Amino acid sequence: MPAKRKKSVAKPATKSTTRNYGDILYEVKDQVAWVTINRPRVLNAFREQTLDEMIDALKSTREDPSIVCAVVTGAGDKAFSAGGDFFAMKRLNFTNAYMWNDRMLGLAMTIRGLPIPVIAMVNGWCMGGGHELALWCDLVIASENAVLGQTGAKVGACPTVGATQYIPRLIGERLAREMIFCARRFPAKEAAEVGLINKCVPQKDLLKETLKWCETMKGHSALTIRMTKRSLNFESDNLYASWQHGMELLAHVWGSDEAKEGMNAFLAGRPPNFNKFRQSAKRELDGYLAGLAKNLNEPPAMRKKAK
């Protein structure tokens, strides 16, 4: 009798789906959703429209249960994302702050709320809000040319939309404070060593390694991943109140003289002069203390001359 032929298992047809956006590229290919910030001229810095588009693209993955995971990255090889576009952030103030802050929180909650893992594929600069974007993702893989850091202290912006909440839990309180207060940068290799990212690979292998991770998850239970992502998020979900608090703090920073000085200095390529604000505050406090010595905190008719 002739040997029985083994039945071949048909693989799902490779299908590519795209959506048209202005600031990002979006494609679903081989069950992986790719979201690429496409603003390489500004090192993939994002503005309001970019955040809106990323939220829309990532939420669309919920319409296709066959999608295994999503990858967030930046166009070109110079930057994952340099953070918020200063030309956008310079327009912010206390009155309109929520227009930016709510978008940041919206993108963070979209990433954390998806039932699939979201991978940050980091190439080049990953700074400020760009680093917060990577922090929101479930996994981070970076090329050897990647540099991660928080620059808020240098430019007059508060990293309170993820950085202050998550960095201490990843690398410890002391190192987190050094990273934020001193604007310390971490090359990808060191970032992997301290636990800031999952893995550092040669630049030529970044895409290959990311695809390997995606392929691995294709063989795993979607239901299990969905449930365990919720469970893994449980403790940090309790930090939601801290996010709201952090955004209100940030609202008071937007449009301040220090924020304007930091951003203008960066755009002009000069060191910021934050010391002038300290000296101004000192003069103001000196005047207040002098008033105390002269009893100026009493009604005029009750004031007594200081001895």
Protein backbone atom coordinates (compact mmCIF):
# COMPACT_ATOMS: atom_id res chain seq x y z
CA MET A 1 0.00 0.00 0.00
CA PRO A 2 1.28 3.47 -0.80
CA ALA A 3 2.28 5.52 2.19
CA LYS A 4 -0.35 7.93 3.40
CA ARG A 5 0.43 11.48 2.50
CA LYS A 6 0.52 13.94 5.35
CA LYS A 7 -2.06 16.62 5.22
CA SER A 8 -0.44 20.01 4.84
CA VAL A 9 -1.65 22.67 7.24
CA ALA A 10 -2.50 25.78 5.30
CA LYS A 11 -0.91 28.90 6.66
CA PRO A 12 -3.05 32.01 6.84
CA ALA A 13 -2.64 34.15 3.76
CA THR A 14 -0.29 37.05 4.18
CA LYS A 15 -2.36 40.18 4.08
CA SER A 16 -1.32 43.79 4.44
CA THR A 17 -3.69 46.52 5.57
CA THR A 18 -2.88 50.20 5.67
CA ARG A 19 -4.61 53.36 6.89
CA ASN A 20 -3.76 56.83 5.64
CA TYR A 21 -2.53 59.45 8.10
CA GLY A 22 -0.53 62.65 7.91
CA ASP A 23 2.07 62.31 10.69
CA ILE A 24 2.34 58.54 11.02
CA LEU A 25 2.49 55.42 8.90
CA TYR A 26 0.25 52.49 9.77
CA GLU A 27 0.29 48.98 8.39
CA VAL A 28 -0.91 45.60 9.53
CA LYS A 29 1.31 42.91 8.04
CA ASP A 30 1.56 39.24 8.97
CA GLN A 31 -0.67 39.81 12.02
CA VAL A 32 1.51 42.63 13.37
CA ALA A 33 0.37 46.27 13.49
CA TRP A 34 3.16 48.74 12.73
CA VAL A 35 2.80 52.34 13.92
CA THR A 36 5.62 54.58 12.72
CA ILE A 37 6.01 58.24 13.64
CA ASN A 38 6.86 59.73 10.26
CA ARG A 39 8.41 63.11 11.11
CA PRO A 40 12.14 62.42 10.65
CA ARG A 41 12.94 66.11 9.90
CA VAL A 42 12.18 66.89 13.55
CA LEU A 43 13.58 63.61 14.90
CA ASN A 44 10.05 62.19 15.04
CA ALA A 45 8.96 64.71 17.64
CA PHE A 46 5.20 64.61 18.01
CA ARG A 47 2.52 67.31 17.98
CA GLU A 48 -1.21 67.18 18.72
CA GLN A 49 -2.07 65.67 15.33
CA THR A 50 0.56 62.95 15.78
CA LEU A 51 -0.89 61.93 19.13
CA ASP A 52 -4.43 61.87 17.71
CA GLU A 53 -3.35 59.68 14.82
CA MET A 54 -1.44 57.24 17.02
CA ILE A 55 -4.46 56.86 19.30
CA ASP A 56 -6.72 56.21 16.30
CA ALA A 57 -4.32 53.73 14.69
CA LEU A 58 -3.70 51.72 17.85
CA LYS A 59 -7.40 51.63 18.75
CA SER A 60 -8.15 50.26 15.30
CA THR A 61 -6.27 47.06 16.20
CA ARG A 62 -9.26 46.13 18.36
CA GLU A 63 -11.26 45.68 15.15
CA ASP A 64 -9.08 42.74 14.08
CA PRO A 65 -8.69 39.94 16.66
CA SER A 66 -6.14 38.21 14.43
CA ILE A 67 -3.54 40.93 15.23
CA VAL A 68 -1.00 39.44 17.61
CA CYS A 69 0.89 42.54 18.72
CA ALA A 70 1.69 46.13 17.77
CA VAL A 71 5.09 47.73 17.18
CA VAL A 72 5.66 51.45 17.71
CA THR A 73 8.74 52.99 16.11
CA GLY A 74 10.12 56.09 14.40
CA ALA A 75 10.99 56.69 10.75
CA GLY A 76 14.65 56.69 9.78
CA ASP A 77 17.64 55.66 11.86
CA LYS A 78 18.26 58.85 13.87
CA ALA A 79 15.38 58.83 16.33
CA PHE A 80 12.58 56.78 17.83
CA SER A 81 11.17 60.10 19.05
CA ALA A 82 12.76 63.23 20.48
CA GLY A 83 9.54 63.87 22.43
CA GLY A 84 7.12 66.74 22.07
CA ASP A 85 7.66 69.18 19.22
CA PHE A 86 8.73 72.46 20.83
CA PHE A 87 6.87 74.46 18.21
CA ALA A 88 3.73 72.78 19.51
CA MET A 89 4.62 72.96 23.21
CA LYS A 90 5.61 76.63 23.07
CA ARG A 91 1.96 77.42 22.32
CA LEU A 92 0.76 75.78 25.54
CA ASN A 93 -0.27 77.55 28.72
CA PHE A 94 -2.46 76.91 31.75
CA THR A 95 -5.63 77.69 29.78
CA ASN A 96 -5.08 75.21 26.95
CA ALA A 97 -2.82 72.69 28.74
CA TYR A 98 -5.45 69.96 28.74
CA MET A 99 -5.44 70.01 24.93
CA TRP A 100 -1.95 68.48 25.07
CA ASN A 101 -2.00 66.65 28.39
CA ASP A 102 -5.23 64.76 27.68
CA ARG A 103 -3.82 63.55 24.39
CA MET A 104 -0.69 62.25 26.12
CA LEU A 105 -2.77 60.47 28.73
CA GLY A 106 -5.11 59.20 26.00
CA LEU A 107 -2.25 57.60 24.08
CA ALA A 108 -0.78 56.08 27.24
CA MET A 109 -4.12 54.59 28.27
CA THR A 110 -4.73 53.31 24.73
CA ILE A 111 -1.42 51.43 24.74
CA ARG A 112 -1.95 50.05 28.22
CA GLY A 113 -5.57 49.16 27.53
CA LEU A 114 -5.02 47.17 24.33
CA PRO A 115 -5.51 43.41 24.77
CA ILE A 116 -2.30 42.79 22.80
CA PRO A 117 1.35 43.52 23.69
CA VAL A 118 2.81 46.75 22.33
CA ILE A 119 6.54 46.74 21.52
CA ALA A 120 8.65 49.88 21.29
CA MET A 121 11.32 49.37 18.61
CA VAL A 122 13.84 52.07 19.49
CA ASN A 123 16.44 53.40 17.08
CA GLY A 124 18.48 56.53 17.85
CA TRP A 125 17.21 59.25 20.17
CA CYS A 126 14.48 58.32 22.64
CA MET A 127 14.15 61.42 24.78
CA GLY A 128 11.64 63.23 26.99
CA GLY A 129 8.09 62.48 25.90
CA GLY A 130 9.51 60.03 23.38
CA HIS A 131 10.97 58.07 26.27
CA GLU A 132 7.63 58.25 28.07
CA LEU A 133 6.06 56.74 24.94
CA ALA A 134 8.49 53.82 25.24
CA LEU A 135 7.66 53.52 28.95
CA TRP A 136 3.96 53.05 28.15
CA CYS A 137 4.77 50.09 25.90
CA ASP A 138 4.90 46.53 27.24
CA LEU A 139 8.30 45.66 25.80
CA VAL A 140 11.24 47.75 24.59
CA ILE A 141 13.96 46.59 22.25
CA ALA A 142 16.65 49.06 21.16
CA SER A 143 19.53 49.23 18.75
CA GLU A 144 23.04 49.96 19.96
CA ASN A 145 22.82 53.53 18.66
CA ALA A 146 19.79 54.30 20.84
CA VAL A 147 20.03 56.81 23.68
CA LEU A 148 17.29 57.12 26.28
CA GLY A 149 16.78 60.05 28.63
CA GLN A 150 14.56 62.57 30.34
CA THR A 151 15.30 66.17 29.35
CA GLY A 152 12.52 68.02 31.16
CA ALA A 153 14.81 69.66 33.70
CA LYS A 154 16.92 71.11 30.87
CA VAL A 155 14.05 72.55 28.86
CA GLY A 156 11.46 73.51 31.48
CA ALA A 157 8.95 70.66 31.23
CA CYS A 158 7.78 68.09 33.79
CA PRO A 159 7.99 64.39 32.85
CA THR A 160 4.87 63.58 34.87
CA VAL A 161 2.97 61.61 32.22
CA GLY A 162 4.66 58.29 32.90
CA ALA A 163 8.30 58.99 33.74
CA THR A 164 7.84 59.90 37.40
CA GLN A 165 5.44 56.99 37.83
CA TYR A 166 7.29 54.18 36.04
CA ILE A 167 11.02 54.90 36.04
CA PRO A 168 11.44 54.38 39.82
CA ARG A 169 9.70 51.00 39.48
CA LEU A 170 12.00 49.95 36.65
CA ILE A 171 15.42 51.13 37.78
CA GLY A 172 14.95 52.13 41.41
CA GLU A 173 14.21 55.40 43.16
CA ARG A 174 17.78 56.73 43.38
CA LEU A 175 18.71 56.16 39.76
CA ALA A 176 15.32 57.49 38.64
CA ARG A 177 15.90 60.76 40.48
CA GLU A 178 19.36 61.03 38.93
CA MET A 179 17.90 60.40 35.47
CA ILE A 180 15.21 63.09 35.93
CA PHE A 181 16.96 65.76 38.05
CA CYS A 182 20.29 65.54 36.23
CA ALA A 183 18.84 64.72 32.80
CA ARG A 184 21.09 61.67 32.71
CA ARG A 185 21.14 59.79 29.41
CA PHE A 186 21.46 56.03 29.07
CA PRO A 187 23.04 54.42 26.00
CA ALA A 188 21.00 51.37 25.01
CA LYS A 189 23.49 48.86 26.37
CA GLU A 190 23.48 50.48 29.80
CA ALA A 191 19.71 50.92 29.64
CA ALA A 192 19.37 47.13 29.23
CA GLU A 193 21.76 46.52 32.11
CA VAL A 194 19.78 48.67 34.57
CA GLY A 195 16.40 47.36 33.42
CA LEU A 196 15.16 50.43 31.57
CA ILE A 197 14.66 48.36 28.39
CA ASN A 198 14.42 44.65 27.63
CA LYS A 199 17.22 44.18 25.13
CA CYS A 200 19.92 45.95 23.14
CA VAL A 201 20.96 44.58 19.75
CA PRO A 202 23.19 45.73 16.88
CA GLN A 203 21.40 48.25 14.68
CA LYS A 204 21.41 45.89 11.70
CA ASP A 205 19.57 43.27 13.78
CA LEU A 206 16.88 45.52 15.29
CA LEU A 207 14.09 44.69 12.86
CA LYS A 208 15.05 41.02 12.72
CA GLU A 209 14.97 40.68 16.51
CA THR A 210 11.67 42.55 16.78
CA LEU A 211 10.11 40.24 14.19
CA LYS A 212 11.45 37.30 16.18
CA TRP A 213 9.58 38.50 19.27
CA CYS A 214 6.43 38.94 17.21
CA GLU A 215 6.75 35.43 15.77
CA THR A 216 7.21 34.00 19.26
CA MET A 217 3.96 35.57 20.46
CA LYS A 218 2.08 34.25 17.41
CA GLY A 219 2.50 30.79 18.92
CA HIS A 220 1.06 31.83 22.28
CA SER A 221 -2.48 32.04 23.57
CA ALA A 222 -4.14 35.38 22.78
CA LEU A 223 -6.54 34.93 25.69
CA THR A 224 -3.72 34.25 28.13
CA ILE A 225 -1.76 37.27 26.94
CA ARG A 226 -4.83 39.48 27.24
CA MET A 227 -5.57 38.32 30.78
CA THR A 228 -1.97 38.45 31.97
CA LYS A 229 -1.46 41.93 30.54
CA ARG A 230 -4.40 43.09 32.65
CA SER A 231 -2.93 41.37 35.69
CA LEU A 232 0.55 42.82 35.10
CA ASN A 233 -0.99 46.28 34.81
CA PHE A 234 -2.97 45.96 38.04
CA GLU A 235 -0.53 47.61 40.44
CA SER A 236 0.54 50.40 38.09
CA ASP A 237 -3.08 51.04 37.09
CA ASN A 238 -3.50 52.26 40.64
CA LEU A 239 -1.19 55.12 39.70
CA TYR A 240 -3.91 56.71 37.59
CA ALA A 241 -4.48 59.34 40.29
CA SER A 242 -0.78 60.21 40.03
CA TRP A 243 -1.19 60.75 36.28
CA GLN A 244 -4.03 63.19 36.87
CA HIS A 245 -2.03 64.97 39.53
CA GLY A 246 1.03 65.06 37.28
CA MET A 247 -0.88 66.58 34.38
CA GLU A 248 -2.19 69.38 36.58
CA LEU A 249 1.36 70.08 37.76
CA LEU A 250 2.45 70.13 34.12
CA ALA A 251 -0.39 72.52 33.25
CA HIS A 252 1.17 75.09 35.58
CA VAL A 253 4.54 74.69 33.86
CA TRP A 254 3.31 75.18 30.29
CA GLY A 255 3.63 78.82 29.28
CA SER A 256 5.77 79.73 32.30
CA ASP A 257 8.80 81.97 31.82
CA GLU A 258 11.09 79.06 32.62
CA ALA A 259 9.42 76.80 30.06
CA LYS A 260 9.72 79.50 27.42
CA GLU A 261 13.39 80.07 28.25
CA GLY A 262 14.19 76.35 28.12
CA MET A 263 12.50 75.75 24.79
CA ASN A 264 13.73 78.95 23.15
CA ALA A 265 17.28 78.19 24.27
CA PHE A 266 17.07 74.67 22.84
CA LEU A 267 15.77 75.90 19.51
CA ALA A 268 18.46 78.61 19.40
CA GLY A 269 21.20 76.12 20.25
CA ARG A 270 22.31 77.97 23.39
CA PRO A 271 22.45 77.01 27.08
CA PRO A 272 19.31 78.10 28.96
CA ASN A 273 19.66 80.75 31.66
CA PHE A 274 17.54 79.39 34.47
CA ASN A 275 19.64 81.10 37.13
CA LYS A 276 17.99 84.46 36.40
CA PHE A 277 14.71 83.02 37.67
CA ARG A 278 16.37 81.88 40.90
CA GLN A 279 17.84 85.35 41.40
CA SER A 280 14.49 86.99 40.68
CA ALA A 281 12.81 84.69 43.20
CA LYS A 282 15.50 85.53 45.75
CA ARG A 283 14.90 89.29 45.34
CA GLU A 284 11.19 88.75 45.75
CA LEU A 285 11.64 86.67 48.88
CA ASP A 286 14.13 89.18 50.32
CA GLY A 287 11.47 91.86 49.90
CA TYR A 288 8.93 89.67 51.68
CA LEU A 289 11.29 88.99 54.60
CA ALA A 290 12.14 92.70 54.85
CA GLY A 291 8.44 93.39 55.10
CA LEU A 292 8.13 90.94 57.97
CA ALA A 293 10.90 92.77 59.82
CA LYS A 294 8.99 96.05 59.36
CA ASN A 295 5.68 94.53 60.53
CA LEU A 296 4.10 95.05 57.11
CA ASN A 297 1.91 92.00 57.78
CA GLU A 298 -0.24 94.05 60.19
CA PRO A 299 -2.86 96.67 59.47
CA PRO A 300 -1.08 100.06 59.14
CA ALA A 301 -2.62 101.48 62.34
CA MET A 302 -1.30 98.56 64.38
CA ARG A 303 2.24 98.43 63.06
CA LYS A 304 5.06 98.88 65.49
CA LYS A 305 8.49 99.89 64.46
CA ALA A 306 10.89 97.01 64.54
CA LYS A 307 13.60 97.41 67.17
